Amino acid sequence: MRLAKATLTWAAIAVAMCVPIALAAMSPLLEWRGAVYRLAGFAGIVALGLVLIQPLLIAGYLPGLSGYRGRRVHYWIGGALAVAVVVHVAGLWITSPPDMIDALTFASPTPFSPFGVIAMWAIFAVAVLAVFRRRLGIGQRSWRIIHMALAVVIVVGGVVHAMLVEGTMETMSKAALCALVLGATIKVMVGLWVRRKRATSLTQDT
């Protein structure tokens, strides 16, 4: 029973991440695009998929990746997410520097640009703080608050950015992945809040 549940869980994660990539690969819009643009686009899709995994890891929902192991994988997936975003942005910069300058300076007329840029800086902020937080003297409680706040920015910014972009991603699979990212994040954050509230109540009662 446990093995079957674990298999279904991982299969669902694989479908949620791979189907949007596979459908995007069949987009007719790619016919006129070069390799760098394609790499940048798929890096963005991978990044969105990695955002889905992160809350599930930290909450221990993924079979075989709970506790310390889950936190370590969460750390390394966070690094992979930052790399995917760098590839995404760098590729778009190479293919169209003026558009990226407009996006990074919040001067772009496209509505999706500011959401993507804000999510990008939030991802970089988490990555830098995760590496240097001990040197910066950030305690566990402060780190948790900062990390959760930036995670909300990443999820909301990333999902809105993805939904507003009319590109190679197929609409229904993109919407499903974005809904899963939002749903997983909300469920995990609410669950963690309830768990801490109960722990605080028990401490006060004793």
Protein backbone atom coordinates (compact mmCIF):
# COMPACT_ATOMS: atom_id res chain seq x y z
CA MET A 1 0.00 0.00 0.00
CA ARG A 2 2.77 2.42 0.96
CA LEU A 3 4.78 1.52 -2.14
CA ALA A 4 1.76 2.05 -4.37
CA LYS A 5 1.07 5.46 -2.81
CA ALA A 6 4.72 6.48 -3.25
CA THR A 7 4.67 5.36 -6.87
CA LEU A 8 1.48 7.30 -7.58
CA THR A 9 2.88 10.40 -5.90
CA TRP A 10 6.07 10.40 -7.93
CA ALA A 11 4.15 9.55 -11.10
CA ALA A 12 1.87 12.54 -10.53
CA ILE A 13 4.87 14.82 -10.00
CA ALA A 14 6.49 13.51 -13.18
CA VAL A 15 3.30 14.06 -15.20
CA ALA A 16 2.81 17.57 -13.80
CA MET A 17 6.35 18.55 -14.76
CA CYS A 18 6.90 16.62 -17.99
CA VAL A 19 3.57 17.08 -19.80
CA PRO A 20 3.93 20.89 -20.10
CA ILE A 21 7.49 20.43 -21.37
CA ALA A 22 6.43 17.80 -23.91
CA LEU A 23 3.53 19.90 -25.20
CA ALA A 24 5.71 23.01 -25.39
CA ALA A 25 8.23 21.04 -27.46
CA MET A 26 5.49 20.46 -30.06
CA SER A 27 4.57 24.15 -30.29
CA PRO A 28 4.64 25.51 -33.85
CA LEU A 29 6.11 28.75 -32.45
CA LEU A 30 9.45 26.98 -32.03
CA GLU A 31 9.88 26.53 -35.77
CA TRP A 32 11.18 30.10 -36.17
CA ARG A 33 13.26 30.16 -33.00
CA GLY A 34 16.95 29.42 -32.52
CA ALA A 35 18.52 27.01 -30.05
CA VAL A 36 19.30 29.70 -27.45
CA TYR A 37 15.71 30.92 -27.35
CA ARG A 38 14.44 27.36 -27.04
CA LEU A 39 16.85 26.66 -24.19
CA ALA A 40 15.74 29.82 -22.41
CA GLY A 41 12.08 28.95 -22.80
CA PHE A 42 12.41 25.40 -21.52
CA ALA A 43 14.56 26.59 -18.62
CA GLY A 44 11.61 28.76 -17.59
CA ILE A 45 9.23 25.79 -17.72
CA VAL A 46 11.64 23.67 -15.67
CA ALA A 47 11.91 26.48 -13.13
CA LEU A 48 8.13 26.54 -12.72
CA GLY A 49 8.13 22.78 -12.18
CA LEU A 50 10.86 23.05 -9.54
CA VAL A 51 8.76 25.64 -7.69
CA LEU A 52 6.09 22.93 -7.38
CA ILE A 53 8.53 20.52 -5.72
CA GLN A 54 9.92 22.95 -3.14
CA PRO A 55 6.94 23.25 -0.76
CA LEU A 56 6.26 19.52 -1.01
CA LEU A 57 9.83 18.82 0.07
CA ILE A 58 9.83 21.17 3.03
CA ALA A 59 6.53 19.71 4.28
CA GLY A 60 7.75 16.12 3.90
CA TYR A 61 5.03 15.13 1.43
CA LEU A 62 7.35 13.41 -1.04
CA PRO A 63 7.99 9.72 -0.28
CA GLY A 64 11.52 9.00 0.90
CA LEU A 65 12.37 12.68 1.25
CA SER A 66 11.16 13.69 4.69
CA GLY A 67 13.04 15.24 7.58
CA TYR A 68 16.71 16.06 7.13
CA ARG A 69 16.91 14.41 3.71
CA GLY A 70 13.99 16.45 2.44
CA ARG A 71 15.55 19.68 3.70
CA ARG A 72 18.84 18.90 1.99
CA VAL A 73 17.12 18.12 -1.31
CA HIS A 74 15.08 21.32 -0.87
CA TYR A 75 18.37 23.21 -0.56
CA TRP A 76 19.83 21.70 -3.73
CA ILE A 77 16.60 22.07 -5.71
CA GLY A 78 16.66 25.73 -4.70
CA GLY A 79 20.10 25.99 -6.27
CA ALA A 80 18.87 24.26 -9.41
CA LEU A 81 15.94 26.69 -9.53
CA ALA A 82 18.31 29.66 -9.39
CA VAL A 83 20.41 28.16 -12.20
CA ALA A 84 17.32 27.54 -14.34
CA VAL A 85 16.28 31.18 -13.90
CA VAL A 86 19.77 32.36 -14.85
CA VAL A 87 19.65 30.24 -18.01
CA HIS A 88 16.17 31.56 -18.78
CA VAL A 89 17.15 35.20 -18.38
CA ALA A 90 20.57 34.85 -20.03
CA GLY A 91 19.08 33.10 -23.04
CA LEU A 92 16.45 35.79 -23.51
CA TRP A 93 19.15 38.45 -23.09
CA ILE A 94 21.22 36.88 -25.86
CA THR A 95 18.25 36.66 -28.22
CA SER A 96 16.89 40.16 -27.48
CA PRO A 97 18.98 42.47 -25.23
CA PRO A 98 16.70 45.54 -25.62
CA ASP A 99 13.65 43.59 -24.46
CA MET A 100 15.53 42.24 -21.41
CA ILE A 101 16.83 45.70 -20.50
CA ASP A 102 13.25 47.00 -20.61
CA ALA A 103 12.09 44.07 -18.49
CA LEU A 104 14.83 44.43 -15.86
CA THR A 105 14.26 48.18 -15.58
CA PHE A 106 10.45 47.72 -15.40
CA ALA A 107 10.04 49.68 -18.63
CA SER A 108 8.65 46.83 -20.71
CA PRO A 109 5.12 47.30 -22.12
CA THR A 110 4.40 43.58 -21.72
CA PRO A 111 2.28 42.91 -18.58
CA PHE A 112 4.09 39.67 -17.68
CA SER A 113 7.58 41.18 -17.40
CA PRO A 114 7.43 42.83 -13.95
CA PHE A 115 6.03 39.68 -12.32
CA GLY A 116 8.84 37.58 -13.75
CA VAL A 117 11.52 40.06 -12.73
CA ILE A 118 10.20 40.36 -9.18
CA ALA A 119 10.03 36.57 -8.85
CA MET A 120 13.58 36.33 -10.23
CA TRP A 121 15.02 38.73 -7.64
CA ALA A 122 13.15 36.92 -4.88
CA ILE A 123 14.69 33.62 -6.01
CA PHE A 124 18.16 35.16 -6.03
CA ALA A 125 17.56 36.70 -2.60
CA VAL A 126 16.60 33.33 -1.12
CA ALA A 127 19.64 31.66 -2.71
CA VAL A 128 22.06 34.29 -1.38
CA LEU A 129 20.54 34.32 2.10
CA ALA A 130 20.51 30.52 2.25
CA VAL A 131 24.26 30.46 1.59
CA PHE A 132 25.27 33.36 3.83
CA ARG A 133 22.58 33.44 6.54
CA ARG A 134 24.88 32.14 9.26
CA ARG A 135 27.51 34.72 8.43
CA LEU A 136 24.79 37.36 8.44
CA GLY A 137 23.61 36.19 11.85
CA ILE A 138 20.09 35.35 10.71
CA GLY A 139 18.48 33.05 13.27
CA GLN A 140 16.21 30.11 12.49
CA ARG A 141 12.98 31.95 13.30
CA SER A 142 13.95 35.05 11.31
CA TRP A 143 15.09 32.89 8.41
CA ARG A 144 11.77 31.03 8.40
CA ILE A 145 9.80 34.28 8.25
CA ILE A 146 12.00 35.76 5.50
CA HIS A 147 11.99 32.54 3.51
CA MET A 148 8.21 32.17 3.69
CA ALA A 149 7.64 35.79 2.64
CA LEU A 150 10.00 35.46 -0.34
CA ALA A 151 8.45 32.11 -1.25
CA VAL A 152 5.05 33.80 -1.56
CA VAL A 153 6.58 36.42 -3.86
CA ILE A 154 8.24 33.71 -5.95
CA VAL A 155 5.10 31.63 -6.31
CA VAL A 156 2.69 34.48 -7.03
CA GLY A 157 5.12 36.30 -9.32
CA GLY A 158 6.12 33.13 -11.16
CA VAL A 159 2.56 31.90 -11.67
CA VAL A 160 1.23 35.27 -12.87
CA HIS A 161 4.25 35.66 -15.16
CA ALA A 162 3.70 32.21 -16.68
CA MET A 163 -0.05 32.68 -17.14
CA LEU A 164 0.33 36.06 -18.84
CA VAL A 165 3.01 34.89 -21.28
CA GLU A 166 1.49 33.77 -24.56
CA GLY A 167 4.30 31.57 -25.80
CA THR A 168 5.19 27.98 -26.45
CA MET A 169 3.50 26.51 -23.37
CA GLU A 170 0.15 24.86 -24.06
CA THR A 171 -2.62 26.73 -22.23
CA MET A 172 -4.35 23.92 -20.30
CA SER A 173 -1.19 22.16 -19.13
CA LYS A 174 0.30 25.52 -18.11
CA ALA A 175 -2.82 26.42 -16.15
CA ALA A 176 -2.83 23.00 -14.46
CA LEU A 177 0.82 23.31 -13.44
CA CYS A 178 0.27 26.83 -12.12
CA ALA A 179 -2.78 25.67 -10.16
CA LEU A 180 -0.74 22.84 -8.65
CA VAL A 181 2.03 25.26 -7.66
CA LEU A 182 -0.46 27.58 -5.97
CA GLY A 183 -2.38 24.73 -4.34
CA ALA A 184 0.73 23.02 -2.99
CA THR A 185 2.12 26.28 -1.62
CA ILE A 186 -1.13 27.26 0.10
CA LYS A 187 -1.64 23.79 1.57
CA VAL A 188 1.89 23.61 2.93
CA MET A 189 1.88 27.12 4.38
CA VAL A 190 -1.49 26.63 6.05
CA GLY A 191 -0.36 23.25 7.37
CA LEU A 192 2.85 24.68 8.82
CA TRP A 193 0.94 27.57 10.40
CA VAL A 194 -1.56 25.20 12.04
CA ARG A 195 1.25 22.93 13.24
CA ARG A 196 3.14 25.80 14.85
CA LYS A 197 -0.03 27.19 16.40
CA ARG A 198 -0.78 23.82 17.98
CA ALA A 199 2.78 23.51 19.22
CA THR A 200 2.57 26.98 20.77
CA SER A 201 -0.74 26.12 22.44
CA LEU A 202 0.67 22.91 23.89
CA THR A 203 3.70 24.76 25.22
CA GLN A 204 1.53 27.39 26.87
CA ASP A 205 -0.76 24.73 28.39
CA THR A 206 2.13 22.91 29.95
